[in-house]
N, C-alpha and C. Protein backbone atom coordinates (compact mmCIF):
# COMPACT_ATOMS: atom_id res chain seq x y z
N MET A 1 151.16 81.95 39.66
CA MET A 1 150.35 82.91 40.29
C MET A 1 150.76 83.72 41.31
N ILE A 2 151.52 83.27 41.86
CA ILE A 2 152.29 84.44 43.06
C ILE A 2 153.22 85.09 42.09
N GLU A 3 153.80 84.89 41.14
CA GLU A 3 154.95 85.50 40.17
C GLU A 3 153.46 86.64 39.99
N ALA A 4 152.86 86.33 39.06
CA ALA A 4 152.08 87.36 38.96
C ALA A 4 151.83 88.80 39.66
N LEU A 5 150.96 88.14 40.90
CA LEU A 5 150.63 88.98 42.05
C LEU A 5 151.91 89.83 42.32
N LYS A 6 153.12 89.02 42.18
CA LYS A 6 154.74 90.22 42.57
C LYS A 6 154.71 91.15 41.73
N LYS A 7 154.43 90.55 40.42
CA LYS A 7 154.60 91.34 39.20
C LYS A 7 154.20 93.37 38.89
N VAL A 8 152.55 92.76 38.85
CA VAL A 8 151.77 93.64 38.74
C VAL A 8 151.99 94.97 40.14
N PRO A 9 151.97 96.00 39.67
CA PRO A 9 152.51 97.35 40.70
C PRO A 9 150.83 97.60 41.35
N ARG A 10 150.75 96.87 42.76
CA ARG A 10 149.19 96.94 43.23
C ARG A 10 149.20 98.79 43.37
N HIS A 11 150.09 99.24 43.84
CA HIS A 11 149.55 100.53 44.16
C HIS A 11 149.68 101.69 43.13
N ILE A 12 149.61 101.14 42.09
CA ILE A 12 149.34 101.86 40.81
C ILE A 12 147.42 101.96 40.61
N PHE A 13 147.06 100.76 41.12
CA PHE A 13 145.40 100.28 41.12
C PHE A 13 144.83 101.40 41.59
N VAL A 14 145.62 101.48 43.25
CA VAL A 14 144.73 102.15 44.75
C VAL A 14 144.93 103.54 44.28
N PRO A 15 143.83 104.39 44.98
CA PRO A 15 143.58 105.52 44.44
C PRO A 15 144.91 106.21 45.36
N GLU A 16 145.31 107.19 45.52
CA GLU A 16 146.57 108.14 45.99
C GLU A 16 146.40 108.31 47.44
N LYS A 17 145.38 108.66 48.08
CA LYS A 17 144.91 108.42 49.31
C LYS A 17 145.46 107.55 50.55
N TYR A 18 145.10 106.29 49.33
CA TYR A 18 145.19 104.73 50.08
C TYR A 18 146.43 103.92 49.88
N ARG A 19 147.53 105.10 49.25
CA ARG A 19 148.49 104.20 48.33
C ARG A 19 149.53 104.07 49.77
N LYS A 20 149.86 103.94 50.61
CA LYS A 20 150.42 103.65 51.34
C LYS A 20 149.68 102.05 52.29
N TYR A 21 148.77 102.43 51.99
CA TYR A 21 147.93 100.51 52.01
C TYR A 21 148.31 99.67 51.07
N ALA A 22 148.88 99.63 49.73
CA ALA A 22 148.74 99.04 48.58
C ALA A 22 149.07 97.96 48.40
N TYR A 23 149.64 97.82 49.56
CA TYR A 23 150.38 96.31 49.69
C TYR A 23 150.31 95.80 51.18
N VAL A 24 148.98 96.35 51.48
CA VAL A 24 148.46 95.42 53.34
C VAL A 24 147.47 94.66 52.22
N ASP A 25 147.15 93.67 53.18
CA ASP A 25 146.25 92.61 52.49
C ASP A 25 144.69 92.34 52.59
N GLN A 26 144.49 93.69 52.21
CA GLN A 26 143.00 93.62 52.68
C GLN A 26 142.08 94.26 51.40
N PRO A 27 141.19 94.79 51.27
CA PRO A 27 140.20 95.36 50.44
C PRO A 27 140.56 96.87 50.57
N LEU A 28 140.24 97.49 49.93
CA LEU A 28 140.77 99.68 49.68
C LEU A 28 139.65 99.60 48.66
N PRO A 29 138.82 100.78 49.55
CA PRO A 29 138.21 101.43 48.49
C PRO A 29 138.83 102.46 47.41
N ILE A 30 137.81 102.33 46.18
CA ILE A 30 138.39 103.16 45.38
C ILE A 30 137.28 103.83 44.48
N GLY A 31 136.01 104.09 45.55
CA GLY A 31 135.17 105.23 44.91
C GLY A 31 133.98 104.47 44.66
N GLU A 32 132.91 104.91 44.19
CA GLU A 32 131.72 104.72 43.88
C GLU A 32 131.17 103.45 45.12
N ASN A 33 131.40 103.40 45.88
CA ASN A 33 130.85 102.84 46.94
C ASN A 33 132.24 101.12 46.73
N GLN A 34 132.91 100.75 45.86
CA GLN A 34 133.69 99.70 45.51
C GLN A 34 134.84 99.84 45.90
N THR A 35 135.50 98.59 46.12
CA THR A 35 136.63 98.35 46.80
C THR A 35 137.53 97.27 45.25
N ILE A 36 138.90 97.64 46.07
CA ILE A 36 139.99 96.62 44.86
C ILE A 36 140.44 95.59 46.25
N SER A 37 139.97 94.30 45.58
CA SER A 37 140.00 93.21 46.41
C SER A 37 141.17 92.52 47.20
N ALA A 38 141.52 92.21 48.45
CA ALA A 38 142.18 92.46 48.85
C ALA A 38 143.51 90.95 48.11
N ILE A 39 144.86 91.36 48.28
CA ILE A 39 145.59 90.82 47.51
C ILE A 39 145.53 88.82 47.21
N HIS A 40 145.29 88.72 48.67
CA HIS A 40 144.93 86.93 49.07
C HIS A 40 143.97 86.65 48.08
N MET A 41 142.63 87.21 48.31
CA MET A 41 141.33 86.68 47.29
C MET A 41 141.37 86.81 45.78
N VAL A 42 142.55 88.10 45.42
CA VAL A 42 142.61 87.94 44.14
C VAL A 42 143.58 86.67 43.68
N GLY A 43 144.79 86.05 44.15
CA GLY A 43 145.16 85.38 44.04
C GLY A 43 144.39 84.07 44.20
N ILE A 44 143.26 83.70 45.20
CA ILE A 44 142.65 82.70 45.35
C ILE A 44 141.60 82.29 44.06
N MET A 45 141.03 83.58 43.67
CA MET A 45 140.31 83.71 42.39
C MET A 45 141.19 83.21 41.17
N VAL A 46 141.86 83.69 40.78
CA VAL A 46 142.72 83.45 39.92
C VAL A 46 143.25 81.53 39.71
N GLU A 47 143.63 81.54 40.81
CA GLU A 47 144.05 80.19 41.05
C GLU A 47 143.10 79.25 40.77
N LEU A 48 142.17 79.30 41.29
CA LEU A 48 140.67 78.34 41.03
C LEU A 48 140.48 78.77 39.63
N LEU A 49 140.41 79.88 39.19
CA LEU A 49 140.77 79.71 37.02
C LEU A 49 141.18 79.29 36.46
N GLU A 50 141.99 78.77 37.04
CA GLU A 50 142.97 77.53 36.03
C GLU A 50 143.68 78.54 35.38
N LEU A 51 144.04 79.29 35.24
CA LEU A 51 144.52 80.24 34.03
C LEU A 51 145.45 79.68 33.15
N GLU A 52 145.57 79.45 31.47
CA GLU A 52 146.67 79.79 30.62
C GLU A 52 147.04 80.23 29.68
N GLU A 53 148.31 80.46 29.05
CA GLU A 53 148.71 81.33 28.30
C GLU A 53 148.10 81.18 27.11
N GLY A 54 147.75 82.98 26.18
CA GLY A 54 146.72 82.85 24.78
C GLY A 54 144.91 82.47 25.50
N MET A 55 144.97 82.63 26.67
CA MET A 55 143.48 82.20 26.61
C MET A 55 142.04 83.85 27.00
N LYS A 56 140.83 83.90 26.40
CA LYS A 56 140.01 84.68 26.10
C LYS A 56 138.98 84.74 27.72
N VAL A 57 139.28 86.12 28.71
CA VAL A 57 139.02 85.70 29.41
C VAL A 57 137.80 87.15 30.13
N LEU A 58 136.69 86.82 30.23
CA LEU A 58 135.54 88.05 30.74
C LEU A 58 135.68 87.87 32.04
N GLU A 59 135.93 89.58 32.09
CA GLU A 59 135.76 89.76 33.87
C GLU A 59 134.49 90.65 34.06
N VAL A 60 133.92 90.35 35.16
CA VAL A 60 132.89 91.11 35.51
C VAL A 60 133.00 91.89 36.94
N GLY A 61 133.29 93.23 36.37
CA GLY A 61 133.94 94.13 37.55
C GLY A 61 134.80 94.72 37.61
N ALA A 62 135.35 95.59 36.68
CA ALA A 62 136.60 95.86 36.26
C ALA A 62 137.46 96.87 37.74
N GLY A 63 136.33 97.65 38.29
CA GLY A 63 137.29 97.83 39.54
C GLY A 63 138.18 99.04 38.60
N SER A 64 139.39 98.49 39.96
CA SER A 64 140.28 99.60 39.01
C SER A 64 141.33 99.28 38.34
N GLY A 65 141.08 97.46 37.96
CA GLY A 65 141.85 97.22 37.18
C GLY A 65 142.78 96.39 37.29
N TYR A 66 143.55 96.03 39.22
CA TYR A 66 143.92 95.12 38.84
C TYR A 66 143.69 93.69 38.54
N HIS A 67 142.79 93.38 39.41
CA HIS A 67 142.20 91.99 39.08
C HIS A 67 142.39 91.46 37.42
N ALA A 68 142.21 92.54 36.86
CA ALA A 68 142.35 92.19 35.51
C ALA A 68 144.41 92.09 34.99
N ALA A 69 144.38 93.08 35.08
CA ALA A 69 145.84 93.31 35.05
C ALA A 69 146.78 91.47 35.88
N VAL A 70 146.40 91.19 36.82
CA VAL A 70 147.24 90.21 37.45
C VAL A 70 146.79 88.61 36.32
N ILE A 71 145.53 89.08 36.12
CA ILE A 71 144.98 87.80 34.89
C ILE A 71 145.89 87.87 34.21
N ALA A 72 145.91 89.62 32.97
CA ALA A 72 146.74 89.59 32.15
C ALA A 72 148.39 89.47 32.27
N GLU A 73 148.73 89.43 33.37
CA GLU A 73 149.81 88.77 33.29
C GLU A 73 150.18 87.39 33.54
N ILE A 74 149.28 86.62 33.41
CA ILE A 74 149.46 85.10 33.62
C ILE A 74 149.02 85.00 32.30
N ILE A 75 147.71 85.07 31.67
CA ILE A 75 147.21 85.00 30.29
C ILE A 75 148.36 85.19 28.93
N GLY A 76 149.19 86.19 28.74
CA GLY A 76 150.51 86.71 28.26
C GLY A 76 149.77 87.79 27.06
N GLU A 77 150.71 88.14 26.28
CA GLU A 77 150.34 88.70 25.27
C GLU A 77 149.41 88.18 24.16
N ARG A 78 149.47 86.79 23.99
CA ARG A 78 148.35 86.25 23.30
C ARG A 78 147.00 85.99 23.51
N GLY A 79 146.65 86.31 25.09
CA GLY A 79 145.37 86.58 25.40
C GLY A 79 144.84 87.64 25.63
N ALA A 80 143.55 87.68 25.88
CA ALA A 80 143.15 88.74 26.43
C ALA A 80 141.73 88.69 27.46
N VAL A 81 142.09 90.05 28.26
CA VAL A 81 140.77 90.05 28.86
C VAL A 81 140.01 91.12 28.55
N TYR A 82 138.51 90.71 28.39
CA TYR A 82 137.52 91.72 28.25
C TYR A 82 137.08 91.60 29.30
N SER A 83 136.64 93.09 30.02
CA SER A 83 136.07 93.59 31.64
C SER A 83 135.31 94.90 31.34
N VAL A 84 134.02 94.02 31.98
CA VAL A 84 132.56 95.30 31.78
C VAL A 84 132.64 95.53 32.89
N GLU A 85 132.47 97.29 33.02
CA GLU A 85 132.36 97.82 34.61
C GLU A 85 130.85 99.01 35.05
N ARG A 86 129.93 98.75 35.52
CA ARG A 86 128.90 99.26 34.96
C ARG A 86 129.00 100.84 35.96
N TYR A 87 130.29 101.36 35.92
CA TYR A 87 129.92 102.98 36.66
C TYR A 87 131.47 103.48 35.51
N PRO A 88 131.37 104.35 35.01
CA PRO A 88 131.67 104.35 33.94
C PRO A 88 133.39 105.49 34.32
N ARG A 89 132.88 106.15 35.80
CA ARG A 89 133.98 106.66 36.26
C ARG A 89 135.11 105.71 36.73
N LEU A 90 134.75 104.34 36.94
CA LEU A 90 135.87 103.36 37.48
C LEU A 90 136.43 102.47 35.96
N ALA A 91 135.55 102.23 35.17
CA ALA A 91 135.84 102.02 33.33
C ALA A 91 137.13 102.45 32.79
N GLU A 92 136.81 104.20 32.99
CA GLU A 92 137.71 105.11 32.78
C GLU A 92 139.21 105.24 33.81
N MET A 93 139.04 104.56 35.04
CA MET A 93 140.34 104.59 35.86
C MET A 93 140.82 103.66 35.61
N ALA A 94 140.15 102.80 35.49
CA ALA A 94 140.59 100.98 34.87
C ALA A 94 141.26 100.99 33.80
N ARG A 95 141.03 101.62 32.76
CA ARG A 95 141.98 102.27 31.05
C ARG A 95 142.99 102.93 31.68
N GLU A 96 142.90 104.08 32.76
CA GLU A 96 144.32 104.37 33.18
C GLU A 96 145.13 103.74 33.45
N ASN A 97 144.95 103.17 34.32
CA ASN A 97 145.65 102.52 35.44
C ASN A 97 146.32 101.15 34.13
N LEU A 98 145.79 101.16 33.51
CA LEU A 98 145.92 99.12 32.78
C LEU A 98 147.39 99.73 32.12
N ARG A 99 146.64 101.19 31.37
CA ARG A 99 147.63 102.19 30.53
C ARG A 99 149.27 102.26 30.96
N LYS A 100 148.97 102.52 32.47
CA LYS A 100 149.91 103.98 32.94
C LYS A 100 151.23 101.97 33.10
N ALA A 101 150.58 100.75 33.90
CA ALA A 101 151.04 99.72 34.35
C ALA A 101 151.42 98.86 32.68
N GLY A 102 150.98 99.27 31.86
CA GLY A 102 151.40 98.74 30.69
C GLY A 102 150.90 97.22 29.75
N TYR A 103 149.67 97.67 30.28
CA TYR A 103 149.00 96.13 30.04
C TYR A 103 147.90 96.81 28.58
N LYS A 104 148.34 96.03 27.50
CA LYS A 104 147.33 96.37 26.74
C LYS A 104 146.66 95.13 25.86
N ASN A 105 146.56 94.18 26.80
CA ASN A 105 145.48 92.80 26.14
C ASN A 105 144.57 93.07 26.87
N VAL A 106 143.86 94.31 27.53
CA VAL A 106 142.65 94.44 28.49
C VAL A 106 142.07 95.11 27.99
N PHE A 107 140.83 94.74 28.25
CA PHE A 107 139.68 95.64 26.79
C PHE A 107 138.15 96.24 28.32
N VAL A 108 138.35 97.37 28.84
CA VAL A 108 137.64 97.86 29.67
C VAL A 108 136.29 98.63 28.76
N MET A 109 135.20 97.89 29.18
CA MET A 109 133.55 98.58 28.47
C MET A 109 133.12 98.93 29.62
N VAL A 110 132.18 99.69 29.41
CA VAL A 110 130.79 99.88 30.60
C VAL A 110 129.73 99.19 30.10
N GLY A 111 128.87 98.66 31.14
CA GLY A 111 128.07 98.25 30.89
C GLY A 111 127.34 96.96 31.94
N ASP A 112 126.63 96.34 31.56
CA ASP A 112 125.38 95.55 32.68
C ASP A 112 126.88 94.34 32.31
N GLY A 113 127.11 93.85 33.52
CA GLY A 113 128.23 92.63 33.46
C GLY A 113 127.55 91.42 33.81
N SER A 114 126.08 91.64 34.13
CA SER A 114 125.76 90.65 34.50
C SER A 114 124.87 90.07 33.31
N LYS A 115 125.05 90.22 32.02
CA LYS A 115 124.60 89.88 31.10
C LYS A 115 125.70 89.27 30.10
N GLY A 116 127.22 89.55 31.01
CA GLY A 116 127.95 89.15 30.09
C GLY A 116 128.61 90.53 28.82
N LEU A 117 129.33 89.53 27.85
CA LEU A 117 129.65 90.66 26.49
C LEU A 117 129.25 89.36 25.86
N PRO A 118 128.27 88.81 24.84
CA PRO A 118 127.67 87.99 24.39
C PRO A 118 127.87 88.28 22.67
N GLU A 119 128.47 89.37 22.83
CA GLU A 119 129.67 89.57 21.66
C GLU A 119 130.75 89.00 21.19
N TYR A 120 131.66 88.79 22.42
CA TYR A 120 132.81 88.69 22.47
C TYR A 120 133.24 87.46 22.88
N ALA A 121 132.14 86.75 23.37
CA ALA A 121 131.90 84.70 23.53
C ALA A 121 132.28 84.25 22.76
N PRO A 122 132.42 82.94 22.79
CA PRO A 122 132.92 82.45 23.67
C PRO A 122 134.50 83.10 24.71
N PHE A 123 133.86 82.52 26.09
CA PHE A 123 135.25 82.81 26.65
C PHE A 123 135.81 81.57 27.32
N ASP A 124 137.03 81.30 27.19
CA ASP A 124 137.38 80.60 28.16
C ASP A 124 137.34 80.06 29.97
N ARG A 125 137.39 81.48 30.44
CA ARG A 125 137.38 81.46 31.50
C ARG A 125 136.66 83.19 31.77
N ILE A 126 135.69 83.23 32.86
CA ILE A 126 134.81 83.72 33.36
C ILE A 126 135.13 84.62 34.55
N ASN A 127 135.61 85.56 35.49
CA ASN A 127 136.04 85.89 36.51
C ASN A 127 134.87 87.22 37.31
N VAL A 128 133.70 86.74 38.19
CA VAL A 128 133.14 87.71 38.70
C VAL A 128 133.49 88.65 39.82
N THR A 129 133.69 89.57 39.81
CA THR A 129 134.63 90.11 41.28
C THR A 129 133.07 91.29 41.58
N ALA A 130 132.34 90.31 41.77
CA ALA A 130 130.78 90.97 42.63
C ALA A 130 129.94 90.16 43.27
N SER A 131 129.18 89.89 44.08
CA SER A 131 128.66 88.55 44.31
C SER A 131 126.72 88.62 43.69
N ALA A 132 126.61 87.73 42.94
CA ALA A 132 125.77 87.71 42.52
C ALA A 132 124.21 86.74 43.57
N PRO A 133 122.98 87.30 43.06
CA PRO A 133 122.15 86.67 43.50
C PRO A 133 122.00 84.88 43.32
N GLU A 134 122.35 84.48 42.15
CA GLU A 134 122.40 83.20 41.76
C GLU A 134 123.68 83.28 40.14
N ILE A 135 124.09 82.56 40.00
CA ILE A 135 124.74 82.63 38.52
C ILE A 135 124.11 82.59 37.67
N PRO A 136 124.32 83.67 37.24
CA PRO A 136 123.47 84.88 36.32
C PRO A 136 123.90 83.54 34.66
N LYS A 137 122.85 82.99 34.42
CA LYS A 137 122.65 82.43 32.43
C LYS A 137 123.05 82.73 31.54
N PRO A 138 123.37 83.94 31.28
CA PRO A 138 124.03 84.43 30.21
C PRO A 138 125.23 84.22 30.67
N LEU A 139 126.21 84.26 31.85
CA LEU A 139 127.32 84.24 31.57
C LEU A 139 127.21 82.43 31.73
N ILE A 140 127.09 81.73 31.68
CA ILE A 140 127.58 79.97 31.87
C ILE A 140 126.73 80.33 30.17
N ASP A 141 126.15 80.35 29.41
CA ASP A 141 125.71 80.31 28.08
C ASP A 141 126.67 81.14 27.19
N GLN A 142 127.41 82.01 27.80
CA GLN A 142 129.39 82.41 27.14
C GLN A 142 130.26 81.94 27.80
N LEU A 143 130.87 80.91 28.53
CA LEU A 143 131.29 80.07 28.81
C LEU A 143 131.78 79.24 27.85
N LYS A 144 132.87 78.73 27.62
CA LYS A 144 133.43 77.72 26.76
C LYS A 144 133.20 76.40 27.36
N ASP A 145 132.83 75.55 26.07
CA ASP A 145 132.61 73.61 26.93
C ASP A 145 134.32 73.67 27.38
N ASN A 146 134.11 73.52 28.51
CA ASN A 146 135.54 73.17 29.52
C ASN A 146 135.81 73.89 30.04
N GLY A 147 134.99 75.18 30.16
CA GLY A 147 135.39 76.37 30.43
C GLY A 147 135.16 76.66 32.18
N ILE A 148 135.94 77.48 32.35
CA ILE A 148 135.39 77.63 34.26
C ILE A 148 135.52 79.49 34.97
N MET A 149 134.25 79.54 36.05
CA MET A 149 133.74 80.57 36.23
C MET A 149 134.19 80.33 37.47
N VAL A 150 134.36 81.75 37.65
CA VAL A 150 135.00 81.41 39.19
C VAL A 150 133.91 82.78 39.54
N ILE A 151 132.60 82.54 40.82
CA ILE A 151 132.13 83.75 41.26
C ILE A 151 131.54 83.54 42.58
N PRO A 152 131.39 85.22 43.45
CA PRO A 152 130.81 85.05 44.33
C PRO A 152 129.01 85.04 44.26
N VAL A 153 128.80 84.52 45.27
CA VAL A 153 126.89 83.67 45.30
C VAL A 153 126.48 84.48 46.45
N GLY A 154 125.65 85.61 46.48
CA GLY A 154 125.26 85.52 48.12
C GLY A 154 125.08 86.84 48.48
N ARG A 155 123.84 87.33 49.31
CA ARG A 155 124.09 89.22 49.36
C ARG A 155 124.55 89.24 50.62
N ILE A 156 124.08 88.05 51.79
CA ILE A 156 124.49 88.71 53.17
C ILE A 156 125.39 87.32 53.53
N PHE A 157 125.39 85.97 53.55
CA PHE A 157 126.22 84.99 53.35
C PHE A 157 126.43 84.83 52.15
N GLN A 158 127.74 85.46 51.47
CA GLN A 158 128.16 84.86 50.15
C GLN A 158 129.28 83.41 50.20
N GLU A 159 128.99 83.08 49.16
CA GLU A 159 129.97 81.71 48.95
C GLU A 159 130.50 81.49 47.81
N LEU A 160 132.04 81.46 47.95
CA LEU A 160 132.87 81.65 45.83
C LEU A 160 132.58 80.26 45.35
N LYS A 161 132.29 80.20 44.34
CA LYS A 161 131.47 79.54 43.64
C LYS A 161 132.59 78.71 42.52
N VAL A 162 132.79 77.57 41.88
CA VAL A 162 133.84 77.89 40.54
C VAL A 162 132.58 76.82 39.94
N VAL A 163 132.46 77.07 39.02
CA VAL A 163 131.44 76.55 37.74
C VAL A 163 132.60 76.22 36.49
N ARG A 164 132.19 74.96 36.34
CA ARG A 164 132.17 74.50 35.30
C ARG A 164 131.44 73.77 34.51
N LYS A 165 131.83 74.12 32.74
CA LYS A 165 130.63 73.98 31.66
C LYS A 165 131.57 72.56 31.20
N ARG A 166 130.65 71.36 31.43
CA ARG A 166 130.94 70.08 30.31
C ARG A 166 130.40 69.70 30.16
N GLY A 167 129.80 70.57 28.01
CA GLY A 167 129.17 70.40 27.82
C GLY A 167 127.65 71.06 28.11
N GLU A 168 126.51 69.69 28.20
CA GLU A 168 125.41 70.04 28.87
C GLU A 168 125.39 70.28 30.17
N GLU A 169 126.42 69.14 30.70
CA GLU A 169 126.51 69.38 32.34
C GLU A 169 127.34 70.52 32.66
N ILE A 170 126.57 71.01 33.86
CA ILE A 170 127.03 72.79 34.99
C ILE A 170 127.44 71.73 36.32
N VAL A 171 128.68 71.64 36.56
CA VAL A 171 129.44 71.42 37.70
C VAL A 171 130.03 71.96 38.58
N VAL A 172 128.97 72.57 39.91
CA VAL A 172 129.40 74.09 40.69
C VAL A 172 129.54 73.10 41.68
N GLU A 173 131.09 73.73 42.26
CA GLU A 173 131.89 73.37 43.25
C GLU A 173 132.18 74.57 44.67
N ASN A 174 131.53 74.76 45.63
CA ASN A 174 131.78 75.79 47.06
C ASN A 174 133.02 75.57 47.56
N TRP A 175 133.70 76.97 47.77
CA TRP A 175 134.91 77.06 47.72
C TRP A 175 135.24 77.88 49.16
N GLY A 176 134.19 78.22 50.08
CA GLY A 176 133.92 78.70 51.09
C GLY A 176 133.64 80.36 51.31
N GLY A 177 133.81 81.17 52.40
CA GLY A 177 132.82 82.15 52.49
C GLY A 177 133.91 83.28 51.92
N VAL A 178 132.80 84.34 51.36
CA VAL A 178 133.54 85.37 51.47
C VAL A 178 132.62 86.78 51.53
N SER A 179 133.21 88.27 51.16
CA SER A 179 132.79 89.26 51.20
C SER A 179 133.01 90.00 49.68
N PHE A 180 132.00 90.24 48.65
CA PHE A 180 131.76 91.31 48.03
C PHE A 180 130.75 91.79 47.80
N VAL A 181 131.26 93.32 46.71
CA VAL A 181 130.16 94.00 46.84
C VAL A 181 128.97 93.48 46.02
N PRO A 182 128.23 93.68 46.05
CA PRO A 182 126.86 92.93 45.07
C PRO A 182 126.55 93.12 43.70
N LEU A 183 126.49 92.69 42.66
CA LEU A 183 127.03 92.95 41.63
C LEU A 183 125.42 93.08 41.04
N VAL A 184 125.32 94.32 40.64
CA VAL A 184 124.06 94.85 40.29
C VAL A 184 124.01 94.83 38.62
N GLY A 185 122.39 94.41 38.23
CA GLY A 185 122.21 94.11 37.12
C GLY A 185 120.93 93.52 36.24
N GLU A 186 120.71 93.29 35.19
CA GLU A 186 119.58 92.20 35.13
C GLU A 186 119.66 91.26 35.66
N TYR A 187 120.35 90.24 36.07
CA TYR A 187 120.87 89.01 36.03
C TYR A 187 121.79 89.38 37.21
N GLY A 188 121.48 90.04 38.26
CA GLY A 188 122.11 90.52 39.43
C GLY A 188 121.34 91.37 40.70
N PHE A 189 121.79 91.95 41.36
CA PHE A 189 120.99 92.53 42.62
C PHE A 189 120.09 93.91 42.07
N LYS A 190 119.07 94.27 41.98
CA LYS A 190 118.59 95.64 41.43
C LYS A 190 119.31 96.76 42.61
N ASP A 191 119.47 97.56 41.90
CA ASP A 191 120.02 98.83 42.92
C ASP A 191 118.89 99.39 43.69
């Protein structure tokens, strides 16, 4: 995970006016009232996902593409990241940033991430980069058996949760307080 964080050129994923802060461990604005997550938070989430080479991963909230690039670095060329972004301008920015950085196994789409991408399911892992009011059922349904989802939950007081699917059993672990932008959509917060 640390090697992946070192390899991904974060400055490519940060808007020009914030480039001098690209390697400062803090969230930065990327437009549309959204942020690129702090480096340590990306590391924590990636670690909790227990990624392996060749996995198929759903990312909810492409942002500028940085988090997807770190995941892509770990799962390798045989793996794939399907990323959903609700803002068309950010989706286009993410695609361009990923292209510049050389990632060919990340596919960015515009849509309601709270509903996931059922047409590409099931997923080995799901990474949600915005806070939901509760764990969206469509995302649980799209997770493979023995799959893992990492998702922040809550509006003001948010908690990072690790969801493990074991057959019909869903096990949820709490990993502490976090601060993310809200997940907006049918199974998220309303605009």
